[in-house]
């Protein structure tokens, strides 16, 4: 099973940018499609973005389309989420997921107004 570690979260003002990383160990990440999800306080975990194993196809939630970009570097065993034009409603813990049920521990993103 692949182990995942997210990083890159933090506090940023509205309109700012952050880049999240999801680093894998234990197995090569290129074996998996990878998704980013987020969970805000008191809300259900929701889908943010996903990328196929080759990087050839990407998918986004409507709420982040045009602002967030998912990418991967299989040589570095890492998937990224570039987040631009951040809004206070993007505040959440962000998780990456590989395959059916391998989750990271999450990284906090806080966007101040």
PDB file of N, CA and C in Angstrom:
ATOM      1  N   UNK A   1       0.840  -1.187   0.000  1.00  0.00           N
ATOM      2  CA  UNK A   1       0.000   0.000   0.000  1.00  0.00           C
ATOM      3  C   UNK A   1       0.881   1.245   0.000  1.00  0.00           C
ATOM      4  N   UNK A   2       0.450   2.250  -0.703  1.00  0.00           N
ATOM      5  CA  UNK A   2       1.235   3.468  -0.793  1.00  0.00           C
ATOM      6  C   UNK A   2       0.941   4.370   0.404  1.00  0.00           C
ATOM      7  N   UNK A   3       1.992   5.010   0.934  1.00  0.00           N
ATOM      8  CA  UNK A   3       1.835   6.000   2.005  1.00  0.00           C
ATOM      9  C   UNK A   3       1.953   7.396   1.406  1.00  0.00           C
ATOM     10  N   UNK A   4       1.091   8.295   1.870  1.00  0.00           N
ATOM     11  CA  UNK A   4       1.018   9.643   1.305  1.00  0.00           C
ATOM     12  C   UNK A   4       1.234  10.696   2.391  1.00  0.00           C
ATOM     13  N   UNK A   5       1.978  11.737   2.048  1.00  0.00           N
ATOM     14  CA  UNK A   5       2.208  12.850   2.968  1.00  0.00           C
ATOM     15  C   UNK A   5       1.967  14.147   2.218  1.00  0.00           C
ATOM     16  N   UNK A   6       1.000  14.932   2.707  1.00  0.00           N
ATOM     17  CA  UNK A   6       0.722  16.232   2.118  1.00  0.00           C
ATOM     18  C   UNK A   6       1.560  17.309   2.802  1.00  0.00           C
ATOM     19  N   UNK A   7       1.867  18.351   2.056  1.00  0.00           N
ATOM     20  CA  UNK A   7       2.560  19.507   2.605  1.00  0.00           C
ATOM     21  C   UNK A   7       2.219  20.730   1.761  1.00  0.00           C
ATOM     22  N   UNK A   8       2.590  21.899   2.276  1.00  0.00           N
ATOM     23  CA  UNK A   8       2.409  23.128   1.524  1.00  0.00           C
ATOM     24  C   UNK A   8       1.252  23.995   1.975  1.00  0.00           C
ATOM     25  N   UNK A   9       0.476  23.513   2.932  1.00  0.00           N
ATOM     26  CA  UNK A   9      -0.622  24.321   3.430  1.00  0.00           C
ATOM     27  C   UNK A   9      -0.119  25.494   4.250  1.00  0.00           C
ATOM     28  N   UNK A  10      -1.053  26.372   4.610  1.00  0.00           N
ATOM     29  CA  UNK A  10      -0.690  27.525   5.416  1.00  0.00           C
ATOM     30  C   UNK A  10      -1.787  28.559   5.413  1.00  0.00           C
ATOM     31  N   UNK A  11      -1.421  29.743   5.893  1.00  0.00           N
ATOM     32  CA  UNK A  11      -2.341  30.874   5.962  1.00  0.00           C
ATOM     33  C   UNK A  11      -2.011  31.838   4.835  1.00  0.00           C
ATOM     34  N   UNK A  12      -3.017  32.234   4.075  1.00  0.00           N
ATOM     35  CA  UNK A  12      -2.805  33.138   2.955  1.00  0.00           C
ATOM     36  C   UNK A  12      -3.995  34.083   2.861  1.00  0.00           C
ATOM     37  N   UNK A  13      -3.758  35.270   2.341  1.00  0.00           N
ATOM     38  CA  UNK A  13      -4.850  36.221   2.149  1.00  0.00           C
ATOM     39  C   UNK A  13      -5.652  35.864   0.897  1.00  0.00           C
ATOM     40  N   UNK A  14      -6.897  36.286   0.896  1.00  0.00           N
ATOM     41  CA  UNK A  14      -7.735  36.081  -0.288  1.00  0.00           C
ATOM     42  C   UNK A  14      -7.045  36.666  -1.515  1.00  0.00           C
ATOM     43  N   UNK A  15      -7.108  35.916  -2.600  1.00  0.00           N
ATOM     44  CA  UNK A  15      -6.431  36.308  -3.824  1.00  0.00           C
ATOM     45  C   UNK A  15      -5.031  35.735  -3.966  1.00  0.00           C
ATOM     46  N   UNK A  16      -4.524  35.170  -2.892  1.00  0.00           N
ATOM     47  CA  UNK A  16      -3.178  34.616  -2.917  1.00  0.00           C
ATOM     48  C   UNK A  16      -3.123  33.209  -3.485  1.00  0.00           C
ATOM     49  N   UNK A  17      -1.934  32.625  -3.406  1.00  0.00           N
ATOM     50  CA  UNK A  17      -1.694  31.305  -3.986  1.00  0.00           C
ATOM     51  C   UNK A  17      -0.953  30.406  -3.015  1.00  0.00           C
ATOM     52  N   UNK A  18      -1.174  29.124  -3.166  1.00  0.00           N
ATOM     53  CA  UNK A  18      -0.426  28.099  -2.460  1.00  0.00           C
ATOM     54  C   UNK A  18      -0.232  26.917  -3.403  1.00  0.00           C
ATOM     55  N   UNK A  19       0.825  26.165  -3.185  1.00  0.00           N
ATOM     56  CA  UNK A  19       1.004  24.908  -3.911  1.00  0.00           C
ATOM     57  C   UNK A  19       1.124  23.775  -2.908  1.00  0.00           C
ATOM     58  N   UNK A  20       0.206  22.844  -2.989  1.00  0.00           N
ATOM     59  CA  UNK A  20       0.235  21.666  -2.138  1.00  0.00           C
ATOM     60  C   UNK A  20       0.984  20.543  -2.839  1.00  0.00           C
ATOM     61  N   UNK A  21       1.662  19.744  -2.037  1.00  0.00           N
ATOM     62  CA  UNK A  21       2.357  18.571  -2.553  1.00  0.00           C
ATOM     63  C   UNK A  21       1.839  17.322  -1.861  1.00  0.00           C
ATOM     64  N   UNK A  22       1.811  16.242  -2.595  1.00  0.00           N
ATOM     65  CA  UNK A  22       1.434  14.932  -2.068  1.00  0.00           C
ATOM     66  C   UNK A  22       2.551  13.979  -2.457  1.00  0.00           C
ATOM     67  N   UNK A  23       3.383  13.647  -1.484  1.00  0.00           N
ATOM     68  CA  UNK A  23       4.541  12.789  -1.738  1.00  0.00           C
ATOM     69  C   UNK A  23       4.226  11.366  -1.312  1.00  0.00           C
ATOM     70  N   UNK A  24       4.636  10.426  -2.142  1.00  0.00           N
ATOM     71  CA  UNK A  24       4.319   9.028  -1.893  1.00  0.00           C
ATOM     72  C   UNK A  24       5.560   8.241  -1.521  1.00  0.00           C
ATOM     73  N   UNK A  25       5.345   7.208  -0.737  1.00  0.00           N
ATOM     74  CA  UNK A  25       6.401   6.238  -0.427  1.00  0.00           C
ATOM     75  C   UNK A  25       5.757   4.869  -0.326  1.00  0.00           C
ATOM     76  N   UNK A  26       6.584   3.860  -0.400  1.00  0.00           N
ATOM     77  CA  UNK A  26       6.084   2.498  -0.265  1.00  0.00           C
ATOM     78  C   UNK A  26       5.784   1.840  -1.596  1.00  0.00           C
ATOM     79  N   UNK A  27       5.220   2.611  -2.499  1.00  0.00           N
ATOM     80  CA  UNK A  27       4.954   2.139  -3.858  1.00  0.00           C
ATOM     81  C   UNK A  27       5.074   3.320  -4.790  1.00  0.00           C
ATOM     82  N   UNK A  28       5.257   3.041  -6.050  1.00  0.00           N
ATOM     83  CA  UNK A  28       5.365   4.135  -6.996  1.00  0.00           C
ATOM     84  C   UNK A  28       3.993   4.747  -7.256  1.00  0.00           C
ATOM     85  N   UNK A  29       3.942   6.071  -7.209  1.00  0.00           N
ATOM     86  CA  UNK A  29       2.676   6.772  -7.376  1.00  0.00           C
ATOM     87  C   UNK A  29       2.157   6.663  -8.800  1.00  0.00           C
ATOM     88  N   UNK A  30       3.032   6.350  -9.735  1.00  0.00           N
ATOM     89  CA  UNK A  30       2.605   6.256 -11.125  1.00  0.00           C
ATOM     90  C   UNK A  30       1.659   5.078 -11.362  1.00  0.00           C
ATOM     91  N   UNK A  31       1.520   4.199 -10.371  1.00  0.00           N
ATOM     92  CA  UNK A  31       0.557   3.104 -10.486  1.00  0.00           C
ATOM     93  C   UNK A  31      -0.877   3.561 -10.260  1.00  0.00           C
ATOM     94  N   UNK A  32      -1.061   4.803  -9.791  1.00  0.00           N
ATOM     95  CA  UNK A  32      -2.356   5.236  -9.308  1.00  0.00           C
ATOM     96  C   UNK A  32      -2.856   6.516  -9.968  1.00  0.00           C
ATOM     97  N   UNK A  33      -4.173   6.596 -10.126  1.00  0.00           N
ATOM     98  CA  UNK A  33      -4.795   7.904 -10.258  1.00  0.00           C
ATOM     99  C   UNK A  33      -4.785   8.541  -8.868  1.00  0.00           C
ATOM    100  N   UNK A  34      -4.691   9.852  -8.805  1.00  0.00           N
ATOM    101  CA  UNK A  34      -4.605  10.550  -7.527  1.00  0.00           C
ATOM    102  C   UNK A  34      -5.629  11.680  -7.495  1.00  0.00           C
ATOM    103  N   UNK A  35      -6.247  11.833  -6.360  1.00  0.00           N
ATOM    104  CA  UNK A  35      -7.207  12.912  -6.189  1.00  0.00           C
ATOM    105  C   UNK A  35      -6.878  13.779  -4.996  1.00  0.00           C
ATOM    106  N   UNK A  36      -7.340  15.016  -5.061  1.00  0.00           N
ATOM    107  CA  UNK A  36      -7.306  15.924  -3.910  1.00  0.00           C
ATOM    108  C   UNK A  36      -8.745  16.124  -3.436  1.00  0.00           C
ATOM    109  N   UNK A  37      -8.906  16.105  -2.124  1.00  0.00           N
ATOM    110  CA  UNK A  37     -10.187  16.327  -1.487  1.00  0.00           C
ATOM    111  C   UNK A  37      -9.981  17.351  -0.383  1.00  0.00           C
ATOM    112  N   UNK A  38     -11.057  17.936   0.103  1.00  0.00           N
ATOM    113  CA  UNK A  38     -10.950  18.874   1.207  1.00  0.00           C
ATOM    114  C   UNK A  38     -12.145  18.736   2.128  1.00  0.00           C
ATOM    115  N   UNK A  39     -11.906  19.106   3.365  1.00  0.00           N
ATOM    116  CA  UNK A  39     -12.971  19.059   4.369  1.00  0.00           C
ATOM    117  C   UNK A  39     -12.902  20.293   5.238  1.00  0.00           C
ATOM    118  N   UNK A  40     -13.951  21.082   5.165  1.00  0.00           N
ATOM    119  CA  UNK A  40     -14.066  22.269   6.000  1.00  0.00           C
ATOM    120  C   UNK A  40     -14.766  21.891   7.297  1.00  0.00           C
ATOM    121  N   UNK A  41     -14.573  22.665   8.354  1.00  0.00           N
ATOM    122  CA  UNK A  41     -15.220  22.352   9.643  1.00  0.00           C
ATOM    123  C   UNK A  41     -16.726  22.223   9.503  1.00  0.00           C
ATOM    124  N   UNK A  42     -17.253  21.126  10.011  1.00  0.00           N
ATOM    125  CA  UNK A  42     -18.689  20.920   9.992  1.00  0.00           C
ATOM    126  C   UNK A  42     -19.262  20.491   8.661  1.00  0.00           C
ATOM    127  N   UNK A  43     -18.386  20.234   7.682  1.00  0.00           N
ATOM    128  CA  UNK A  43     -18.856  19.852   6.354  1.00  0.00           C
ATOM    129  C   UNK A  43     -18.318  18.485   5.961  1.00  0.00           C
ATOM    130  N   UNK A  44     -18.951  17.900   4.970  1.00  0.00           N
ATOM    131  CA  UNK A  44     -18.493  16.632   4.425  1.00  0.00           C
ATOM    132  C   UNK A  44     -17.209  16.833   3.617  1.00  0.00           C
ATOM    133  N   UNK A  45     -16.408  15.782   3.538  1.00  0.00           N
ATOM    134  CA  UNK A  45     -15.237  15.823   2.675  1.00  0.00           C
ATOM    135  C   UNK A  45     -15.721  15.875   1.229  1.00  0.00           C
ATOM    136  N   UNK A  46     -15.099  16.746   0.430  1.00  0.00           N
ATOM    137  CA  UNK A  46     -15.551  16.910  -0.942  1.00  0.00           C
ATOM    138  C   UNK A  46     -14.393  16.799  -1.929  1.00  0.00           C
ATOM    139  N   UNK A  47     -14.736  16.382  -3.124  1.00  0.00           N
ATOM    140  CA  UNK A  47     -13.774  16.256  -4.205  1.00  0.00           C
ATOM    141  C   UNK A  47     -13.316  17.625  -4.675  1.00  0.00           C
ATOM    142  N   UNK A  48     -12.010  17.733  -4.956  1.00  0.00           N
ATOM    143  CA  UNK A  48     -11.450  18.973  -5.474  1.00  0.00           C
ATOM    144  C   UNK A  48     -10.917  18.781  -6.899  1.00  0.00           C
ATOM    145  N   UNK A  49     -10.027  17.787  -7.069  1.00  0.00           N
ATOM    146  CA  UNK A  49      -9.396  17.586  -8.370  1.00  0.00           C
ATOM    147  C   UNK A  49      -8.827  16.171  -8.418  1.00  0.00           C
ATOM    148  N   UNK A  50      -8.620  15.684  -9.646  1.00  0.00           N
ATOM    149  CA  UNK A  50      -8.034  14.360  -9.818  1.00  0.00           C
ATOM    150  C   UNK A  50      -7.216  14.337 -11.093  1.00  0.00           C
ATOM    151  N   UNK A  51      -6.276  13.385 -11.127  1.00  0.00           N
ATOM    152  CA  UNK A  51      -5.409  13.242 -12.281  1.00  0.00           C
ATOM    153  C   UNK A  51      -5.177  11.761 -12.527  1.00  0.00           C
ATOM    154  N   UNK A  52      -5.201  11.356 -13.789  1.00  0.00           N
ATOM    155  CA  UNK A  52      -4.963   9.960 -14.112  1.00  0.00           C
ATOM    156  C   UNK A  52      -3.490   9.598 -13.911  1.00  0.00           C
ATOM    157  N   UNK A  53      -3.213   8.300 -13.968  1.00  0.00           N
ATOM    158  CA  UNK A  53      -1.862   7.845 -13.645  1.00  0.00           C
ATOM    159  C   UNK A  53      -0.818   8.448 -14.576  1.00  0.00           C
ATOM    160  N   UNK A  54      -1.197   8.686 -15.814  1.00  0.00           N
ATOM    161  CA  UNK A  54      -0.244   9.227 -16.791  1.00  0.00           C
ATOM    162  C   UNK A  54      -0.200  10.748 -16.784  1.00  0.00           C
ATOM    163  N   UNK A  55      -1.189  11.353 -16.127  1.00  0.00           N
ATOM    164  CA  UNK A  55      -1.299  12.810 -16.172  1.00  0.00           C
ATOM    165  C   UNK A  55      -2.032  13.314 -17.395  1.00  0.00           C
ATOM    166  N   UNK A  56      -2.521  12.389 -18.216  1.00  0.00           N
ATOM    167  CA  UNK A  56      -3.153  12.791 -19.461  1.00  0.00           C
ATOM    168  C   UNK A  56      -4.528  13.395 -19.316  1.00  0.00           C
ATOM    169  N   UNK A  57      -5.177  13.091 -18.210  1.00  0.00           N
ATOM    170  CA  UNK A  57      -6.526  13.626 -17.971  1.00  0.00           C
ATOM    171  C   UNK A  57      -6.609  14.185 -16.563  1.00  0.00           C
ATOM    172  N   UNK A  58      -7.276  15.325 -16.442  1.00  0.00           N
ATOM    173  CA  UNK A  58      -7.496  15.955 -15.157  1.00  0.00           C
ATOM    174  C   UNK A  58      -8.967  16.308 -15.012  1.00  0.00           C
ATOM    175  N   UNK A  59      -9.406  16.379 -13.770  1.00  0.00           N
ATOM    176  CA  UNK A  59     -10.807  16.635 -13.462  1.00  0.00           C
ATOM    177  C   UNK A  59     -10.865  17.595 -12.287  1.00  0.00           C
ATOM    178  N   UNK A  60     -11.857  18.478 -12.295  1.00  0.00           N
ATOM    179  CA  UNK A  60     -11.968  19.498 -11.257  1.00  0.00           C
ATOM    180  C   UNK A  60     -13.415  19.672 -10.814  1.00  0.00           C
ATOM    181  N   UNK A  61     -13.566  19.999  -9.548  1.00  0.00           N
ATOM    182  CA  UNK A  61     -14.856  20.455  -9.062  1.00  0.00           C
ATOM    183  C   UNK A  61     -15.157  21.817  -9.674  1.00  0.00           C
ATOM    184  N   UNK A  62     -16.423  22.088  -9.893  1.00  0.00           N
ATOM    185  CA  UNK A  62     -16.804  23.364 -10.498  1.00  0.00           C
ATOM    186  C   UNK A  62     -16.319  24.545  -9.663  1.00  0.00           C
ATOM    187  N   UNK A  63     -16.276  24.367  -8.362  1.00  0.00           N
ATOM    188  CA  UNK A  63     -15.919  25.466  -7.467  1.00  0.00           C
ATOM    189  C   UNK A  63     -14.462  25.895  -7.596  1.00  0.00           C
ATOM    190  N   UNK A  64     -13.615  25.045  -8.173  1.00  0.00           N
ATOM    191  CA  UNK A  64     -12.190  25.387  -8.268  1.00  0.00           C
ATOM    192  C   UNK A  64     -11.709  25.472  -9.712  1.00  0.00           C
ATOM    193  N   UNK A  65     -12.569  25.136 -10.652  1.00  0.00           N
ATOM    194  CA  UNK A  65     -12.179  25.120 -12.062  1.00  0.00           C
ATOM    195  C   UNK A  65     -11.703  26.507 -12.485  1.00  0.00           C
ATOM    196  N   UNK A  66     -10.572  26.562 -13.141  1.00  0.00           N
ATOM    197  CA  UNK A  66      -9.999  27.819 -13.584  1.00  0.00           C
ATOM    198  C   UNK A  66      -9.086  28.469 -12.566  1.00  0.00           C
ATOM    199  N   UNK A  67      -9.114  27.979 -11.310  1.00  0.00           N
ATOM    200  CA  UNK A  67      -8.263  28.554 -10.264  1.00  0.00           C
ATOM    201  C   UNK A  67      -7.208  27.559  -9.782  1.00  0.00           C
ATOM    202  N   UNK A  68      -7.563  26.283  -9.753  1.00  0.00           N
ATOM    203  CA  UNK A  68      -6.660  25.237  -9.261  1.00  0.00           C
ATOM    204  C   UNK A  68      -6.158  24.397 -10.436  1.00  0.00           C
ATOM    205  N   UNK A  69      -4.934  23.915 -10.305  1.00  0.00           N
ATOM    206  CA  UNK A  69      -4.355  23.034 -11.313  1.00  0.00           C
ATOM    207  C   UNK A  69      -3.688  21.847 -10.630  1.00  0.00           C
ATOM    208  N   UNK A  70      -4.081  20.640 -11.020  1.00  0.00           N
ATOM    209  CA  UNK A  70      -3.449  19.430 -10.507  1.00  0.00           C
ATOM    210  C   UNK A  70      -2.425  18.956 -11.525  1.00  0.00           C
ATOM    211  N   UNK A  71      -1.292  18.492 -11.032  1.00  0.00           N
ATOM    212  CA  UNK A  71      -0.242  17.978 -11.905  1.00  0.00           C
ATOM    213  C   UNK A  71       0.521  16.902 -11.160  1.00  0.00           C
ATOM    214  N   UNK A  72       1.359  16.185 -11.884  1.00  0.00           N
ATOM    215  CA  UNK A  72       2.132  15.141 -11.222  1.00  0.00           C
ATOM    216  C   UNK A  72       3.511  15.051 -11.850  1.00  0.00           C
ATOM    217  N   UNK A  73       4.454  14.638 -11.020  1.00  0.00           N
ATOM    218  CA  UNK A  73       5.817  14.354 -11.454  1.00  0.00           C
ATOM    219  C   UNK A  73       6.119  12.934 -10.989  1.00  0.00           C
ATOM    220  N   UNK A  74       5.915  11.990 -11.859  1.00  0.00           N
ATOM    221  CA  UNK A  74       6.091  10.586 -11.461  1.00  0.00           C
ATOM    222  C   UNK A  74       7.543  10.269 -11.119  1.00  0.00           C
ATOM    223  N   UNK A  75       8.471  10.987 -11.693  1.00  0.00           N
ATOM    224  CA  UNK A  75       9.882  10.773 -11.352  1.00  0.00           C
ATOM    225  C   UNK A  75      10.158  11.143  -9.902  1.00  0.00           C
ATOM    226  N   UNK A  76       9.381  12.111  -9.379  1.00  0.00           N
ATOM    227  CA  UNK A  76       9.538  12.535  -7.977  1.00  0.00           C
ATOM    228  C   UNK A  76       8.495  11.880  -7.080  1.00  0.00           C
ATOM    229  N   UNK A  77       7.651  11.024  -7.679  1.00  0.00           N
ATOM    230  CA  UNK A  77       6.631  10.333  -6.883  1.00  0.00           C
ATOM    231  C   UNK A  77       5.731  11.324  -6.139  1.00  0.00           C
ATOM    232  N   UNK A  78       5.391  12.411  -6.809  1.00  0.00           N
ATOM    233  CA  UNK A  78       4.674  13.511  -6.167  1.00  0.00           C
ATOM    234  C   UNK A  78       3.574  14.048  -7.083  1.00  0.00           C
ATOM    235  N   UNK A  79       2.467  14.400  -6.461  1.00  0.00           N
ATOM    236  CA  UNK A  79       1.371  15.087  -7.136  1.00  0.00           C
ATOM    237  C   UNK A  79       1.203  16.459  -6.488  1.00  0.00           C
ATOM    238  N   UNK A  80       0.890  17.446  -7.301  1.00  0.00           N
ATOM    239  CA  UNK A  80       0.784  18.827  -6.825  1.00  0.00           C
ATOM    240  C   UNK A  80      -0.626  19.368  -7.046  1.00  0.00           C
ATOM    241  N   UNK A  81      -0.966  20.347  -6.228  1.00  0.00           N
ATOM    242  CA  UNK A  81      -2.192  21.115  -6.444  1.00  0.00           C
ATOM    243  C   UNK A  81      -1.816  22.585  -6.335  1.00  0.00           C
ATOM    244  N   UNK A  82      -1.766  23.254  -7.476  1.00  0.00           N
ATOM    245  CA  UNK A  82      -1.507  24.693  -7.501  1.00  0.00           C
ATOM    246  C   UNK A  82      -2.834  25.410  -7.319  1.00  0.00           C
ATOM    247  N   UNK A  83      -2.906  26.236  -6.302  1.00  0.00           N
ATOM    248  CA  UNK A  83      -4.146  26.932  -5.974  1.00  0.00           C
ATOM    249  C   UNK A  83      -3.926  28.431  -6.106  1.00  0.00           C
ATOM    250  N   UNK A  84      -4.605  29.045  -7.043  1.00  0.00           N
ATOM    251  CA  UNK A  84      -4.513  30.484  -7.276  1.00  0.00           C
ATOM    252  C   UNK A  84      -5.850  31.149  -6.971  1.00  0.00           C
ATOM    253  N   UNK A  85      -5.816  32.461  -6.822  1.00  0.00           N
ATOM    254  CA  UNK A  85      -7.036  33.242  -6.573  1.00  0.00           C
ATOM    255  C   UNK A  85      -7.841  32.634  -5.430  1.00  0.00           C
ATOM    256  N   UNK A  86      -7.157  32.347  -4.352  1.00  0.00           N
ATOM    257  CA  UNK A  86      -7.819  31.671  -3.229  1.00  0.00           C
ATOM    258  C   UNK A  86      -8.886  32.546  -2.597  1.00  0.00           C
ATOM    259  N   UNK A  87      -9.938  31.872  -2.123  1.00  0.00           N
ATOM    260  CA  UNK A  87     -11.072  32.542  -1.493  1.00  0.00           C
ATOM    261  C   UNK A  87     -11.231  32.018  -0.068  1.00  0.00           C
ATOM    262  N   UNK A  88     -11.847  32.792   0.805  1.00  0.00           N
ATOM    263  CA  UNK A  88     -12.070  32.290   2.173  1.00  0.00           C
ATOM    264  C   UNK A  88     -12.801  30.947   2.192  1.00  0.00           C
ATOM    265  N   UNK A  89     -13.684  30.710   1.243  1.00  0.00           N
ATOM    266  CA  UNK A  89     -14.424  29.445   1.209  1.00  0.00           C
ATOM    267  C   UNK A  89     -13.558  28.258   0.790  1.00  0.00           C
ATOM    268  N   UNK A  90     -12.313  28.497   0.404  1.00  0.00           N
ATOM    269  CA  UNK A  90     -11.377  27.405   0.132  1.00  0.00           C
ATOM    270  C   UNK A  90     -10.723  26.892   1.421  1.00  0.00           C
ATOM    271  N   UNK A  91     -10.970  27.565   2.539  1.00  0.00           N
ATOM    272  CA  UNK A  91     -10.402  27.137   3.816  1.00  0.00           C
ATOM    273  C   UNK A  91     -10.879  25.734   4.169  1.00  0.00           C
ATOM    274  N   UNK A  92      -9.933  24.845   4.411  1.00  0.00           N
ATOM    275  CA  UNK A  92     -10.252  23.444   4.704  1.00  0.00           C
ATOM    276  C   UNK A  92      -8.951  22.691   4.971  1.00  0.00           C
ATOM    277  N   UNK A  93      -9.105  21.463   5.433  1.00  0.00           N
ATOM    278  CA  UNK A  93      -7.987  20.520   5.430  1.00  0.00           C
ATOM    279  C   UNK A  93      -8.014  19.806   4.074  1.00  0.00           C
ATOM    280  N   UNK A  94      -6.875  19.808   3.414  1.00  0.00           N
ATOM    281  CA  UNK A  94      -6.775  19.200   2.087  1.00  0.00           C
ATOM    282  C   UNK A  94      -6.068  17.851   2.200  1.00  0.00           C
ATOM    283  N   UNK A  95      -6.663  16.854   1.574  1.00  0.00           N
ATOM    284  CA  UNK A  95      -6.143  15.492   1.592  1.00  0.00           C
ATOM    285  C   UNK A  95      -5.882  15.008   0.173  1.00  0.00           C
ATOM    286  N   UNK A  96      -4.843  14.201   0.017  1.00  0.00           N
ATOM    287  CA  UNK A  96      -4.692  13.502  -1.251  1.00  0.00           C
ATOM    288  C   UNK A  96      -5.039  12.030  -1.048  1.00  0.00           C
ATOM    289  N   UNK A  97      -5.453  11.419  -2.135  1.00  0.00           N
ATOM    290  CA  UNK A  97      -5.886  10.027  -2.123  1.00  0.00           C
ATOM    291  C   UNK A  97      -5.341   9.339  -3.363  1.00  0.00           C
ATOM    292  N   UNK A  98      -4.786   8.152  -3.167  1.00  0.00           N
ATOM    293  CA  UNK A  98      -4.281   7.359  -4.283  1.00  0.00           C
ATOM    294  C   UNK A  98      -5.031   6.044  -4.335  1.00  0.00           C
ATOM    295  N   UNK A  99      -5.486   5.704  -5.504  1.00  0.00           N
ATOM    296  CA  UNK A  99      -6.217   4.458  -5.650  1.00  0.00           C
ATOM    297  C   UNK A  99      -7.523   4.483  -4.891  1.00  0.00           C
ATOM    298  N   UNK A 100      -7.927   3.312  -4.402  1.00  0.00           N
ATOM    299  CA  UNK A 100      -9.239   3.182  -3.775  1.00  0.00           C
ATOM    300  C   UNK A 100      -9.279   3.725  -2.357  1.00  0.00           C
ATOM    301  N   UNK A 101      -8.196   3.583  -1.588  1.00  0.00           N
ATOM    302  CA  UNK A 101      -8.349   3.918  -0.173  1.00  0.00           C
ATOM    303  C   UNK A 101      -7.059   4.305   0.536  1.00  0.00           C
ATOM    304  N   UNK A 102      -6.087   4.848  -0.164  1.00  0.00           N
ATOM    305  CA  UNK A 102      -4.864   5.339   0.478  1.00  0.00           C
ATOM    306  C   UNK A 102      -4.956   6.847   0.618  1.00  0.00           C
ATOM    307  N   UNK A 103      -5.031   7.311   1.872  1.00  0.00           N
ATOM    308  CA  UNK A 103      -5.183   8.730   2.170  1.00  0.00           C
ATOM    309  C   UNK A 103      -3.957   9.240   2.917  1.00  0.00           C
ATOM    310  N   UNK A 104      -3.651  10.521   2.697  1.00  0.00           N
ATOM    311  CA  UNK A 104      -2.671  11.191   3.523  1.00  0.00           C
ATOM    312  C   UNK A 104      -3.323  11.716   4.790  1.00  0.00           C
ATOM    313  N   UNK A 105      -2.518  12.407   5.610  1.00  0.00           N
ATOM    314  CA  UNK A 105      -3.009  12.906   6.901  1.00  0.00           C
ATOM    315  C   UNK A 105      -3.648  14.279   6.787  1.00  0.00           C
ATOM    316  N   UNK A 106      -3.431  14.943   5.660  1.00  0.00           N
ATOM    317  CA  UNK A 106      -4.043  16.248   5.431  1.00  0.00           C
ATOM    318  C   UNK A 106      -3.119  17.407   5.738  1.00  0.00           C
ATOM    319  N   UNK A 107      -3.383  18.530   5.092  1.00  0.00           N
ATOM    320  CA  UNK A 107      -2.669  19.770   5.355  1.00  0.00           C
ATOM    321  C   UNK A 107      -3.681  20.911   5.389  1.00  0.00           C
ATOM    322  N   UNK A 108      -3.540  21.777   6.380  1.00  0.00           N
ATOM    323  CA  UNK A 108      -4.511  22.850   6.599  1.00  0.00           C
ATOM    324  C   UNK A 108      -4.246  24.027   5.659  1.00  0.00           C
ATOM    325  N   UNK A 109      -5.287  24.486   5.011  1.00  0.00           N
ATOM    326  CA  UNK A 109      -5.244  25.705   4.209  1.00  0.00           C
ATOM    327  C   UNK A 109      -6.247  26.680   4.807  1.00  0.00           C
ATOM    328  N   UNK A 110      -5.767  27.855   5.147  1.00  0.00           N
ATOM    329  CA  UNK A 110      -6.630  28.891   5.703  1.00  0.00           C
ATOM    330  C   UNK A 110      -6.491  30.150   4.858  1.00  0.00           C
ATOM    331  N   UNK A 111      -7.617  30.642   4.354  1.00  0.00           N
ATOM    332  CA  UNK A 111      -7.625  31.834   3.520  1.00  0.00           C
ATOM    333  C   UNK A 111      -8.359  32.937   4.269  1.00  0.00           C
ATOM    334  N   UNK A 112      -7.664  34.022   4.560  1.00  0.00           N
ATOM    335  CA  UNK A 112      -8.268  35.129   5.294  1.00  0.00           C
ATOM    336  C   UNK A 112      -8.847  36.158   4.324  1.00  0.00           C
ATOM    337  N   UNK A 113      -9.904  36.808   4.777  1.00  0.00           N
ATOM    338  CA  UNK A 113     -10.564  37.792   3.902  1.00  0.00           C
ATOM    339  C   UNK A 113      -9.974  39.169   4.097  1.00  0.00           C
TER     340      UNK A 113
END
